Amino acid sequence: MACLKIVVAMAKADGRLDEREQKAIEEAIRDFRIPGVPDVENLLEEKTDISAEAKALRSEDARMLAYQSACGMAMADGECSPEEQQLLERLRKELGIPEKKASLVSRLFQEAKDTVLPGNIQPVSDPAKRAAEIREDVLKYSILSAILGAFPVPGLAIATDLAVVGVQVKMVRDIGQYYGHKVDKAAARSLLGALGLGTGARIAVSNLCKLVPVWGSAVGAAASFAATWALGKIADRYFAGGAKEAPEALRDEFKKAEKEGRQAYEQHRKLVEEKREKNKAAITELNEALKAGRISQEEYERRVSELA
């Protein structure tokens, strides 16, 4: 609760919480099924004592996760207002986060702006063949997202949440190519944003789930798989219709597909575990390289996507 209150305080750093931000936080808490949140509306309306909540976080991991999530809320859209910068610096001091670690978190977000490129996929005119190719891609990217959701970088957990967004952006661009559409990063991210994915709130709440051992990994895996699965279904429909439908109009369909995605995760759970074990050494090596600064977040996302 202390971490959630800090995230909400960051969302209200400019003195208000607009309707879009409020909806994003509510959906993120609901989608990740976080227990112990009795009344989300009260949580959003409550005035937060940053100092008191920071003191409530006793472990180093909890303080670091809280700071990363606050950064996610502030910077996931690529912008960080003066008010957000001021609150982040205050929070850094209250939580006792060294400047070096804070700079590393900031660097990850800056590097995540340029996510993985789409593959060189040729348009497929045969509907049956195209549908089969897309189904295969949606499953493989959903599995990779689940692995990332359950396999955080020690001390820098939010890196995998950013990587999941990178994988989802790549999938959207790849699906577009099957239909002959050249989709740039901005357009792909716009589709994600319209469906409630890739938002600061979702990244922040996903990161906080990692506070709870075992449960956090299980929730992260299921939620990441379901969201990626649903996104793939909606992207397929979107591009099949010539990319003319307003993405916002697809939000209800996305939520229905997300429920199907959770069922699909249960059906493919064994395959997820097998893939996780197969790629464990490679992901561990990439995690260590990222944490040590030997590779950038952009390079991390590119190399992780190659494991799909």
C-alpha atoms as a PDB file:
ATOM      1  CA  MET A   1       0.000   0.000   0.000  1.00  0.00           C
ATOM      2  CA  ALA A   2       2.863   2.367   0.761  1.00  0.00           C
ATOM      3  CA  CYS A   3       4.306   1.750  -2.701  1.00  0.00           C
ATOM      4  CA  LEU A   4       0.926   2.234  -4.375  1.00  0.00           C
ATOM      5  CA  LYS A   5       0.406   5.504  -2.510  1.00  0.00           C
ATOM      6  CA  ILE A   6       3.794   6.731  -3.732  1.00  0.00           C
ATOM      7  CA  VAL A   7       2.888   5.844  -7.317  1.00  0.00           C
ATOM      8  CA  VAL A   8      -0.427   7.697  -7.018  1.00  0.00           C
ATOM      9  CA  ALA A   9       1.370  10.707  -5.526  1.00  0.00           C
ATOM     10  CA  MET A  10       3.648  10.744  -8.577  1.00  0.00           C
ATOM     11  CA  ALA A  11       0.613  10.637 -10.883  1.00  0.00           C
ATOM     12  CA  LYS A  12      -0.692  13.714  -9.033  1.00  0.00           C
ATOM     13  CA  ALA A  13       2.669  15.529  -9.007  1.00  0.00           C
ATOM     14  CA  ASP A  14       1.186  18.399 -11.038  1.00  0.00           C
ATOM     15  CA  GLY A  15      -1.577  18.810  -8.454  1.00  0.00           C
ATOM     16  CA  ARG A  16      -4.279  16.797 -10.186  1.00  0.00           C
ATOM     17  CA  LEU A  17      -5.163  13.332 -11.415  1.00  0.00           C
ATOM     18  CA  ASP A  18      -6.914  13.471 -14.766  1.00  0.00           C
ATOM     19  CA  GLU A  19      -9.566  10.970 -15.776  1.00  0.00           C
ATOM     20  CA  ARG A  20      -7.243   9.041 -18.111  1.00  0.00           C
ATOM     21  CA  GLU A  21      -4.564   8.593 -15.437  1.00  0.00           C
ATOM     22  CA  GLN A  22      -7.173   7.542 -12.872  1.00  0.00           C
ATOM     23  CA  LYS A  23      -8.645   4.941 -15.223  1.00  0.00           C
ATOM     24  CA  ALA A  24      -5.174   3.616 -16.061  1.00  0.00           C
ATOM     25  CA  ILE A  25      -4.289   3.122 -12.383  1.00  0.00           C
ATOM     26  CA  GLU A  26      -7.651   1.499 -11.591  1.00  0.00           C
ATOM     27  CA  GLU A  27      -7.313  -0.924 -14.511  1.00  0.00           C
ATOM     28  CA  ALA A  28      -3.708  -1.777 -13.666  1.00  0.00           C
ATOM     29  CA  ILE A  29      -4.589  -2.649 -10.058  1.00  0.00           C
ATOM     30  CA  ARG A  30      -7.530  -4.729 -11.251  1.00  0.00           C
ATOM     31  CA  ASP A  31      -5.652  -6.469 -14.092  1.00  0.00           C
ATOM     32  CA  PHE A  32      -2.780  -7.519 -11.834  1.00  0.00           C
ATOM     33  CA  ARG A  33      -5.267  -8.570  -9.149  1.00  0.00           C
ATOM     34  CA  ILE A  34      -3.381  -6.906  -6.324  1.00  0.00           C
ATOM     35  CA  PRO A  35      -4.810  -8.009  -2.976  1.00  0.00           C
ATOM     36  CA  GLY A  36      -5.267  -5.746   0.017  1.00  0.00           C
ATOM     37  CA  VAL A  37      -6.518  -2.650  -1.826  1.00  0.00           C
ATOM     38  CA  PRO A  38      -9.889  -2.122  -0.115  1.00  0.00           C
ATOM     39  CA  ASP A  39     -11.046   0.987  -1.965  1.00  0.00           C
ATOM     40  CA  VAL A  40      -9.243   2.211  -5.055  1.00  0.00           C
ATOM     41  CA  GLU A  41     -11.245   5.454  -5.200  1.00  0.00           C
ATOM     42  CA  ASN A  42     -10.185   6.393  -1.674  1.00  0.00           C
ATOM     43  CA  LEU A  43      -6.595   5.506  -2.530  1.00  0.00           C
ATOM     44  CA  LEU A  44      -6.685   7.878  -5.499  1.00  0.00           C
ATOM     45  CA  GLU A  45      -8.308  10.704  -3.545  1.00  0.00           C
ATOM     46  CA  GLU A  46      -6.142  10.378  -0.433  1.00  0.00           C
ATOM     47  CA  LYS A  47      -3.418  12.952   0.192  1.00  0.00           C
ATOM     48  CA  THR A  48      -0.114  11.109   0.527  1.00  0.00           C
ATOM     49  CA  ASP A  49       2.540  11.861   3.128  1.00  0.00           C
ATOM     50  CA  ILE A  50       5.631  10.939   1.079  1.00  0.00           C
ATOM     51  CA  SER A  51       7.939  10.921   4.111  1.00  0.00           C
ATOM     52  CA  ALA A  52       5.684   8.598   6.113  1.00  0.00           C
ATOM     53  CA  GLU A  53       5.191   6.168   3.221  1.00  0.00           C
ATOM     54  CA  ALA A  54       8.922   6.134   2.459  1.00  0.00           C
ATOM     55  CA  LYS A  55       9.671   5.245   6.088  1.00  0.00           C
ATOM     56  CA  ALA A  56       7.173   2.377   5.887  1.00  0.00           C
ATOM     57  CA  LEU A  57       9.386   0.693   3.281  1.00  0.00           C
ATOM     58  CA  ARG A  58      11.997  -1.060   5.386  1.00  0.00           C
ATOM     59  CA  SER A  59      13.790  -3.297   2.881  1.00  0.00           C
ATOM     60  CA  GLU A  60      16.209  -2.085   0.240  1.00  0.00           C
ATOM     61  CA  ASP A  61      14.338  -4.047  -2.440  1.00  0.00           C
ATOM     62  CA  ALA A  62      11.022  -2.422  -1.527  1.00  0.00           C
ATOM     63  CA  ARG A  63      12.532   1.072  -1.610  1.00  0.00           C
ATOM     64  CA  MET A  64      14.161   0.442  -4.982  1.00  0.00           C
ATOM     65  CA  LEU A  65      10.989  -1.034  -6.480  1.00  0.00           C
ATOM     66  CA  ALA A  66       8.985   1.928  -5.208  1.00  0.00           C
ATOM     67  CA  TYR A  67      11.433   4.363  -6.795  1.00  0.00           C
ATOM     68  CA  GLN A  68      11.448   2.457 -10.104  1.00  0.00           C
ATOM     69  CA  SER A  69       7.650   2.414 -10.179  1.00  0.00           C
ATOM     70  CA  ALA A  70       7.506   6.133  -9.438  1.00  0.00           C
ATOM     71  CA  CYS A  71       9.879   6.685 -12.359  1.00  0.00           C
ATOM     72  CA  GLY A  72       7.612   4.526 -14.487  1.00  0.00           C
ATOM     73  CA  MET A  73       4.658   6.717 -13.598  1.00  0.00           C
ATOM     74  CA  ALA A  74       6.635   9.873 -14.343  1.00  0.00           C
ATOM     75  CA  MET A  75       8.617   8.947 -17.435  1.00  0.00           C
ATOM     76  CA  ALA A  76       6.963   6.069 -19.299  1.00  0.00           C
ATOM     77  CA  ASP A  77       5.348   8.508 -21.741  1.00  0.00           C
ATOM     78  CA  GLY A  78       8.752   9.980 -22.554  1.00  0.00           C
ATOM     79  CA  GLU A  79       8.050  13.208 -20.717  1.00  0.00           C
ATOM     80  CA  CYS A  80       8.924  14.228 -17.173  1.00  0.00           C
ATOM     81  CA  SER A  81       7.506  17.543 -16.042  1.00  0.00           C
ATOM     82  CA  PRO A  82       9.385  19.871 -13.662  1.00  0.00           C
ATOM     83  CA  GLU A  83       6.908  18.932 -10.915  1.00  0.00           C
ATOM     84  CA  GLU A  84       7.563  15.225 -11.493  1.00  0.00           C
ATOM     85  CA  GLN A  85      11.328  15.773 -11.544  1.00  0.00           C
ATOM     86  CA  GLN A  86      11.127  17.644  -8.257  1.00  0.00           C
ATOM     87  CA  LEU A  87       9.036  14.912  -6.619  1.00  0.00           C
ATOM     88  CA  LEU A  88      11.328  12.182  -7.963  1.00  0.00           C
ATOM     89  CA  GLU A  89      14.367  13.879  -6.458  1.00  0.00           C
ATOM     90  CA  ARG A  90      12.598  14.301  -3.131  1.00  0.00           C
ATOM     91  CA  LEU A  91      11.519  10.662  -3.233  1.00  0.00           C
ATOM     92  CA  ARG A  92      15.048   9.538  -4.067  1.00  0.00           C
ATOM     93  CA  LYS A  93      16.347  11.277  -0.955  1.00  0.00           C
ATOM     94  CA  GLU A  94      13.486  10.043   1.251  1.00  0.00           C
ATOM     95  CA  LEU A  95      14.092   6.446   0.110  1.00  0.00           C
ATOM     96  CA  GLY A  96      17.861   6.719   0.328  1.00  0.00           C
ATOM     97  CA  ILE A  97      18.429   5.774  -3.327  1.00  0.00           C
ATOM     98  CA  PRO A  98      22.027   6.581  -4.422  1.00  0.00           C
ATOM     99  CA  GLU A  99      22.299   9.007  -7.339  1.00  0.00           C
ATOM    100  CA  LYS A 100      24.154   6.381  -9.395  1.00  0.00           C
ATOM    101  CA  LYS A 101      21.265   3.912  -9.132  1.00  0.00           C
ATOM    102  CA  ALA A 102      18.698   6.623  -9.829  1.00  0.00           C
ATOM    103  CA  SER A 103      20.630   7.638 -12.952  1.00  0.00           C
ATOM    104  CA  LEU A 104      20.651   4.027 -14.134  1.00  0.00           C
ATOM    105  CA  VAL A 105      16.860   3.786 -13.826  1.00  0.00           C
ATOM    106  CA  SER A 106      16.467   7.060 -15.716  1.00  0.00           C
ATOM    107  CA  ARG A 107      18.784   5.779 -18.457  1.00  0.00           C
ATOM    108  CA  LEU A 108      16.657   2.671 -18.965  1.00  0.00           C
ATOM    109  CA  PHE A 109      13.567   4.754 -19.629  1.00  0.00           C
ATOM    110  CA  GLN A 110      15.398   7.034 -22.043  1.00  0.00           C
ATOM    111  CA  GLU A 111      16.789   4.057 -23.955  1.00  0.00           C
ATOM    112  CA  ALA A 112      13.422   2.310 -24.013  1.00  0.00           C
ATOM    113  CA  LYS A 113      12.036   5.076 -26.257  1.00  0.00           C
ATOM    114  CA  ASP A 114      13.643   3.359 -29.257  1.00  0.00           C
ATOM    115  CA  THR A 115      12.363  -0.163 -29.018  1.00  0.00           C
ATOM    116  CA  VAL A 116      13.115  -3.261 -31.094  1.00  0.00           C
ATOM    117  CA  LEU A 117      12.628  -3.050 -34.840  1.00  0.00           C
ATOM    118  CA  PRO A 118      10.099  -5.179 -36.717  1.00  0.00           C
ATOM    119  CA  GLY A 119      11.287  -8.166 -38.662  1.00  0.00           C
ATOM    120  CA  ASN A 120      11.502  -8.152 -42.442  1.00  0.00           C
ATOM    121  CA  ILE A 121       8.130  -9.814 -42.953  1.00  0.00           C
ATOM    122  CA  GLN A 122       6.612  -9.971 -46.416  1.00  0.00           C
ATOM    123  CA  PRO A 123       2.841  -9.520 -46.842  1.00  0.00           C
ATOM    124  CA  VAL A 124       0.910 -12.799 -47.026  1.00  0.00           C
ATOM    125  CA  SER A 125      -2.033 -12.761 -49.397  1.00  0.00           C
ATOM    126  CA  ASP A 126      -3.378 -16.216 -48.533  1.00  0.00           C
ATOM    127  CA  PRO A 127      -5.806 -15.629 -45.591  1.00  0.00           C
ATOM    128  CA  ALA A 128      -5.355 -19.116 -44.112  1.00  0.00           C
ATOM    129  CA  LYS A 129      -1.563 -18.985 -44.274  1.00  0.00           C
ATOM    130  CA  ARG A 130      -1.517 -15.438 -42.868  1.00  0.00           C
ATOM    131  CA  ALA A 131      -3.801 -16.414 -39.991  1.00  0.00           C
ATOM    132  CA  ALA A 132      -1.549 -19.375 -39.159  1.00  0.00           C
ATOM    133  CA  GLU A 133       1.595 -17.205 -39.202  1.00  0.00           C
ATOM    134  CA  ILE A 134      -0.025 -14.608 -36.957  1.00  0.00           C
ATOM    135  CA  ARG A 135      -1.300 -17.237 -34.492  1.00  0.00           C
ATOM    136  CA  GLU A 136       2.200 -18.657 -34.233  1.00  0.00           C
ATOM    137  CA  ASP A 137       3.726 -15.210 -33.653  1.00  0.00           C
ATOM    138  CA  VAL A 138       1.125 -14.202 -31.060  1.00  0.00           C
ATOM    139  CA  LEU A 139       1.785 -17.388 -29.082  1.00  0.00           C
ATOM    140  CA  LYS A 140       5.578 -17.078 -29.176  1.00  0.00           C
ATOM    141  CA  TYR A 141       5.528 -13.418 -28.134  1.00  0.00           C
ATOM    142  CA  SER A 142       2.967 -14.148 -25.401  1.00  0.00           C
ATOM    143  CA  ILE A 143       5.242 -16.879 -24.039  1.00  0.00           C
ATOM    144  CA  LEU A 144       8.258 -14.554 -24.130  1.00  0.00           C
ATOM    145  CA  SER A 145       6.256 -11.848 -22.318  1.00  0.00           C
ATOM    146  CA  ALA A 146       5.286 -14.380 -19.643  1.00  0.00           C
ATOM    147  CA  ILE A 147       8.918 -15.374 -19.158  1.00  0.00           C
ATOM    148  CA  LEU A 148       9.952 -11.738 -18.787  1.00  0.00           C
ATOM    149  CA  GLY A 149       7.039 -11.077 -16.425  1.00  0.00           C
ATOM    150  CA  ALA A 150       8.274 -13.851 -14.128  1.00  0.00           C
ATOM    151  CA  PHE A 151      12.011 -13.218 -14.501  1.00  0.00           C
ATOM    152  CA  PRO A 152      12.897  -9.703 -13.273  1.00  0.00           C
ATOM    153  CA  VAL A 153      16.393  -8.244 -13.345  1.00  0.00           C
ATOM    154  CA  PRO A 154      17.671  -8.357  -9.724  1.00  0.00           C
ATOM    155  CA  GLY A 155      17.861  -4.803  -8.413  1.00  0.00           C
ATOM    156  CA  LEU A 156      16.465  -3.399 -11.657  1.00  0.00           C
ATOM    157  CA  ALA A 157      13.148  -5.202 -11.990  1.00  0.00           C
ATOM    158  CA  ILE A 158      11.430  -2.557 -14.091  1.00  0.00           C
ATOM    159  CA  ALA A 159      13.729  -3.376 -17.020  1.00  0.00           C
ATOM    160  CA  THR A 160      11.675  -6.473 -17.808  1.00  0.00           C
ATOM    161  CA  ASP A 161       8.409  -4.496 -17.714  1.00  0.00           C
ATOM    162  CA  LEU A 162       9.880  -2.125 -20.298  1.00  0.00           C
ATOM    163  CA  ALA A 163      11.076  -5.126 -22.305  1.00  0.00           C
ATOM    164  CA  VAL A 164       7.537  -6.586 -22.343  1.00  0.00           C
ATOM    165  CA  VAL A 165       6.301  -3.328 -23.882  1.00  0.00           C
ATOM    166  CA  GLY A 166       9.117  -3.577 -26.440  1.00  0.00           C
ATOM    167  CA  VAL A 167       8.067  -7.131 -27.333  1.00  0.00           C
ATOM    168  CA  GLN A 168       4.437  -6.024 -27.676  1.00  0.00           C
ATOM    169  CA  VAL A 169       5.388  -3.124 -29.947  1.00  0.00           C
ATOM    170  CA  LYS A 170       7.430  -5.477 -32.137  1.00  0.00           C
ATOM    171  CA  MET A 171       4.514  -7.927 -32.356  1.00  0.00           C
ATOM    172  CA  VAL A 172       2.110  -5.192 -33.472  1.00  0.00           C
ATOM    173  CA  ARG A 173       4.533  -4.026 -36.139  1.00  0.00           C
ATOM    174  CA  ASP A 174       5.102  -7.593 -37.335  1.00  0.00           C
ATOM    175  CA  ILE A 175       1.366  -8.303 -37.585  1.00  0.00           C
ATOM    176  CA  GLY A 176       0.942  -5.095 -39.564  1.00  0.00           C
ATOM    177  CA  GLN A 177       3.592  -6.297 -42.022  1.00  0.00           C
ATOM    178  CA  TYR A 178       1.662  -9.508 -42.686  1.00  0.00           C
ATOM    179  CA  TYR A 179      -1.140  -7.286 -44.003  1.00  0.00           C
ATOM    180  CA  GLY A 180       1.214  -5.066 -45.975  1.00  0.00           C
ATOM    181  CA  HIS A 181       1.258  -2.166 -43.485  1.00  0.00           C
ATOM    182  CA  LYS A 182       4.490  -0.421 -42.559  1.00  0.00           C
ATOM    183  CA  VAL A 183       3.881   0.467 -38.911  1.00  0.00           C
ATOM    184  CA  ASP A 184       6.282   2.844 -37.168  1.00  0.00           C
ATOM    185  CA  LYS A 185       7.035   2.761 -33.434  1.00  0.00           C
ATOM    186  CA  ALA A 186       4.803   5.735 -32.679  1.00  0.00           C
ATOM    187  CA  ALA A 187       1.769   4.140 -34.341  1.00  0.00           C
ATOM    188  CA  ALA A 188       2.355   0.822 -32.581  1.00  0.00           C
ATOM    189  CA  ARG A 189       2.733   2.518 -29.207  1.00  0.00           C
ATOM    190  CA  SER A 190      -0.397   4.546 -29.903  1.00  0.00           C
ATOM    191  CA  LEU A 191      -2.374   1.321 -30.354  1.00  0.00           C
ATOM    192  CA  LEU A 192      -0.945  -0.031 -27.089  1.00  0.00           C
ATOM    193  CA  GLY A 193      -1.813   3.168 -25.262  1.00  0.00           C
ATOM    194  CA  ALA A 194      -5.378   3.187 -26.571  1.00  0.00           C
ATOM    195  CA  LEU A 195      -5.827  -0.321 -25.140  1.00  0.00           C
ATOM    196  CA  GLY A 196      -4.307   0.601 -21.757  1.00  0.00           C
ATOM    197  CA  LEU A 197      -0.946  -1.101 -22.350  1.00  0.00           C
ATOM    198  CA  GLY A 198       2.488   0.479 -22.084  1.00  0.00           C
ATOM    199  CA  THR A 199       1.167   3.178 -19.742  1.00  0.00           C
ATOM    200  CA  GLY A 200       3.098   4.529 -16.779  1.00  0.00           C
ATOM    201  CA  ALA A 201       0.427   3.164 -14.437  1.00  0.00           C
ATOM    202  CA  ARG A 202       0.584  -0.365 -15.818  1.00  0.00           C
ATOM    203  CA  ILE A 203       4.385  -0.443 -15.785  1.00  0.00           C
ATOM    204  CA  ALA A 204       4.467   0.940 -12.245  1.00  0.00           C
ATOM    205  CA  VAL A 205       1.899  -1.499 -10.831  1.00  0.00           C
ATOM    206  CA  SER A 206       3.465  -4.468 -12.629  1.00  0.00           C
ATOM    207  CA  ASN A 207       6.809  -3.570 -11.075  1.00  0.00           C
ATOM    208  CA  LEU A 208       5.318  -3.379  -7.576  1.00  0.00           C
ATOM    209  CA  CYS A 209       3.931  -6.919  -7.901  1.00  0.00           C
ATOM    210  CA  LYS A 210       7.502  -8.170  -7.694  1.00  0.00           C
ATOM    211  CA  LEU A 211       7.588  -7.157  -4.032  1.00  0.00           C
ATOM    212  CA  VAL A 212       5.816 -10.409  -3.183  1.00  0.00           C
ATOM    213  CA  PRO A 213       8.024 -13.470  -3.817  1.00  0.00           C
ATOM    214  CA  VAL A 214       6.538 -16.310  -5.914  1.00  0.00           C
ATOM    215  CA  TRP A 215       3.093 -14.643  -6.110  1.00  0.00           C
ATOM    216  CA  GLY A 216       4.574 -11.644  -7.929  1.00  0.00           C
ATOM    217  CA  SER A 217       6.277 -13.837 -10.514  1.00  0.00           C
ATOM    218  CA  ALA A 218       3.135 -15.910 -11.063  1.00  0.00           C
ATOM    219  CA  VAL A 219       0.953 -12.822 -11.468  1.00  0.00           C
ATOM    220  CA  GLY A 220       3.513 -11.136 -13.703  1.00  0.00           C
ATOM    221  CA  ALA A 221       3.745 -14.152 -15.991  1.00  0.00           C
ATOM    222  CA  ALA A 222      -0.025 -14.622 -16.326  1.00  0.00           C
ATOM    223  CA  ALA A 223      -0.782 -10.921 -16.784  1.00  0.00           C
ATOM    224  CA  SER A 224       1.987 -10.365 -19.347  1.00  0.00           C
ATOM    225  CA  PHE A 225       0.954 -13.446 -21.348  1.00  0.00           C
ATOM    226  CA  ALA A 226      -2.738 -12.485 -21.312  1.00  0.00           C
ATOM    227  CA  ALA A 227      -2.111  -8.864 -22.311  1.00  0.00           C
ATOM    228  CA  THR A 228       0.204  -9.817 -25.174  1.00  0.00           C
ATOM    229  CA  TRP A 229      -2.186 -12.542 -26.352  1.00  0.00           C
ATOM    230  CA  ALA A 230      -5.120 -10.099 -26.341  1.00  0.00           C
ATOM    231  CA  LEU A 231      -3.081  -7.403 -28.076  1.00  0.00           C
ATOM    232  CA  GLY A 232      -2.200  -9.872 -30.831  1.00  0.00           C
ATOM    233  CA  LYS A 233      -5.877 -10.715 -31.377  1.00  0.00           C
ATOM    234  CA  ILE A 234      -6.858  -7.048 -31.513  1.00  0.00           C
ATOM    235  CA  ALA A 235      -3.933  -6.088 -33.779  1.00  0.00           C
ATOM    236  CA  ASP A 236      -4.958  -8.868 -36.174  1.00  0.00           C
ATOM    237  CA  ARG A 237      -8.496  -7.504 -36.325  1.00  0.00           C
ATOM    238  CA  TYR A 238      -7.266  -3.909 -36.586  1.00  0.00           C
ATOM    239  CA  PHE A 239      -4.994  -4.506 -39.583  1.00  0.00           C
ATOM    240  CA  ALA A 240      -7.461  -6.913 -41.230  1.00  0.00           C
ATOM    241  CA  GLY A 241      -9.845  -3.948 -41.342  1.00  0.00           C
ATOM    242  CA  GLY A 242      -7.254  -1.748 -43.009  1.00  0.00           C
ATOM    243  CA  ALA A 243      -6.189  -0.023 -39.762  1.00  0.00           C
ATOM    244  CA  LYS A 244      -9.155   2.319 -40.132  1.00  0.00           C
ATOM    245  CA  GLU A 245     -11.021   1.554 -36.901  1.00  0.00           C
ATOM    246  CA  ALA A 246     -10.443   3.903 -33.979  1.00  0.00           C
ATOM    247  CA  PRO A 247      -8.159   2.001 -31.533  1.00  0.00           C
ATOM    248  CA  GLU A 248     -10.142   3.319 -28.555  1.00  0.00           C
ATOM    249  CA  ALA A 249     -13.226   1.553 -29.920  1.00  0.00           C
ATOM    250  CA  LEU A 250     -11.405  -1.762 -29.549  1.00  0.00           C
ATOM    251  CA  ARG A 251     -10.837  -1.441 -25.809  1.00  0.00           C
ATOM    252  CA  ASP A 252     -13.861  -3.510 -24.744  1.00  0.00           C
ATOM    253  CA  GLU A 253     -12.890  -6.234 -27.210  1.00  0.00           C
ATOM    254  CA  PHE A 254      -9.376  -6.168 -25.807  1.00  0.00           C
ATOM    255  CA  LYS A 255     -10.652  -6.772 -22.274  1.00  0.00           C
ATOM    256  CA  LYS A 256     -12.665  -9.769 -23.483  1.00  0.00           C
ATOM    257  CA  ALA A 257      -9.629 -11.111 -25.330  1.00  0.00           C
ATOM    258  CA  GLU A 258      -7.516 -10.612 -22.186  1.00  0.00           C
ATOM    259  CA  LYS A 259      -9.797 -13.002 -20.294  1.00  0.00           C
ATOM    260  CA  GLU A 260      -9.295 -15.526 -23.095  1.00  0.00           C
ATOM    261  CA  GLY A 261      -5.571 -14.860 -22.785  1.00  0.00           C
ATOM    262  CA  ARG A 262      -5.582 -15.919 -19.134  1.00  0.00           C
ATOM    263  CA  GLN A 263      -7.253 -19.189 -20.132  1.00  0.00           C
ATOM    264  CA  ALA A 264      -4.693 -19.633 -22.912  1.00  0.00           C
ATOM    265  CA  TYR A 265      -1.920 -19.092 -20.374  1.00  0.00           C
ATOM    266  CA  GLU A 266      -3.211 -21.977 -18.268  1.00  0.00           C
ATOM    267  CA  GLN A 267      -3.317 -24.168 -21.375  1.00  0.00           C
ATOM    268  CA  HIS A 268       0.274 -23.263 -22.280  1.00  0.00           C
ATOM    269  CA  ARG A 269       1.731 -22.995 -18.774  1.00  0.00           C
ATOM    270  CA  LYS A 270       3.895 -26.099 -19.251  1.00  0.00           C
ATOM    271  CA  LEU A 271       5.283 -24.707 -22.508  1.00  0.00           C
ATOM    272  CA  VAL A 272       6.048 -21.393 -20.772  1.00  0.00           C
ATOM    273  CA  GLU A 273       8.008 -23.236 -18.081  1.00  0.00           C
ATOM    274  CA  GLU A 274       9.906 -25.265 -20.674  1.00  0.00           C
ATOM    275  CA  LYS A 275      10.843 -22.119 -22.618  1.00  0.00           C
ATOM    276  CA  ARG A 276      11.795 -20.362 -19.393  1.00  0.00           C
ATOM    277  CA  GLU A 277      14.214 -23.130 -18.426  1.00  0.00           C
ATOM    278  CA  LYS A 278      15.612 -23.257 -21.952  1.00  0.00           C
ATOM    279  CA  ASN A 279      16.319 -19.505 -21.982  1.00  0.00           C
ATOM    280  CA  LYS A 280      17.195 -19.093 -18.305  1.00  0.00           C
ATOM    281  CA  ALA A 281      20.953 -18.913 -18.817  1.00  0.00           C
ATOM    282  CA  ALA A 282      20.676 -16.498 -21.748  1.00  0.00           C
ATOM    283  CA  ILE A 283      18.295 -14.175 -19.884  1.00  0.00           C
ATOM    284  CA  THR A 284      20.444 -14.271 -16.746  1.00  0.00           C
ATOM    285  CA  GLU A 285      23.463 -13.276 -18.825  1.00  0.00           C
ATOM    286  CA  LEU A 286      21.538 -10.425 -20.448  1.00  0.00           C
ATOM    287  CA  ASN A 287      20.230  -9.278 -17.057  1.00  0.00           C
ATOM    288  CA  GLU A 288      23.751  -9.117 -15.656  1.00  0.00           C
ATOM    289  CA  ALA A 289      25.028  -7.259 -18.722  1.00  0.00           C
ATOM    290  CA  LEU A 290      22.213  -4.700 -18.463  1.00  0.00           C
ATOM    291  CA  LYS A 291      22.694  -4.173 -14.739  1.00  0.00           C
ATOM    292  CA  ALA A 292      26.458  -3.714 -15.215  1.00  0.00           C
ATOM    293  CA  GLY A 293      25.854  -1.183 -17.998  1.00  0.00           C
ATOM    294  CA  ARG A 294      27.538  -3.298 -20.689  1.00  0.00           C
ATOM    295  CA  ILE A 295      24.417  -3.147 -22.874  1.00  0.00           C
ATOM    296  CA  SER A 296      21.648  -0.562 -23.203  1.00  0.00           C
ATOM    297  CA  GLN A 297      17.944  -1.110 -22.547  1.00  0.00           C
ATOM    298  CA  GLU A 298      17.370  -0.905 -26.297  1.00  0.00           C
ATOM    299  CA  GLU A 299      19.978  -3.612 -26.921  1.00  0.00           C
ATOM    300  CA  TYR A 300      18.517  -5.668 -24.068  1.00  0.00           C
ATOM    301  CA  GLU A 301      15.051  -5.523 -25.646  1.00  0.00           C
ATOM    302  CA  ARG A 302      16.404  -6.426 -29.084  1.00  0.00           C
ATOM    303  CA  ARG A 303      18.345  -9.430 -27.833  1.00  0.00           C
ATOM    304  CA  VAL A 304      15.515 -10.622 -25.583  1.00  0.00           C
ATOM    305  CA  SER A 305      13.084 -10.497 -28.518  1.00  0.00           C
ATOM    306  CA  GLU A 306      15.387 -12.831 -30.449  1.00  0.00           C
ATOM    307  CA  LEU A 307      14.668 -15.535 -27.837  1.00  0.00           C
ATOM    308  CA  ALA A 308      11.019 -15.773 -28.924  1.00  0.00           C
END
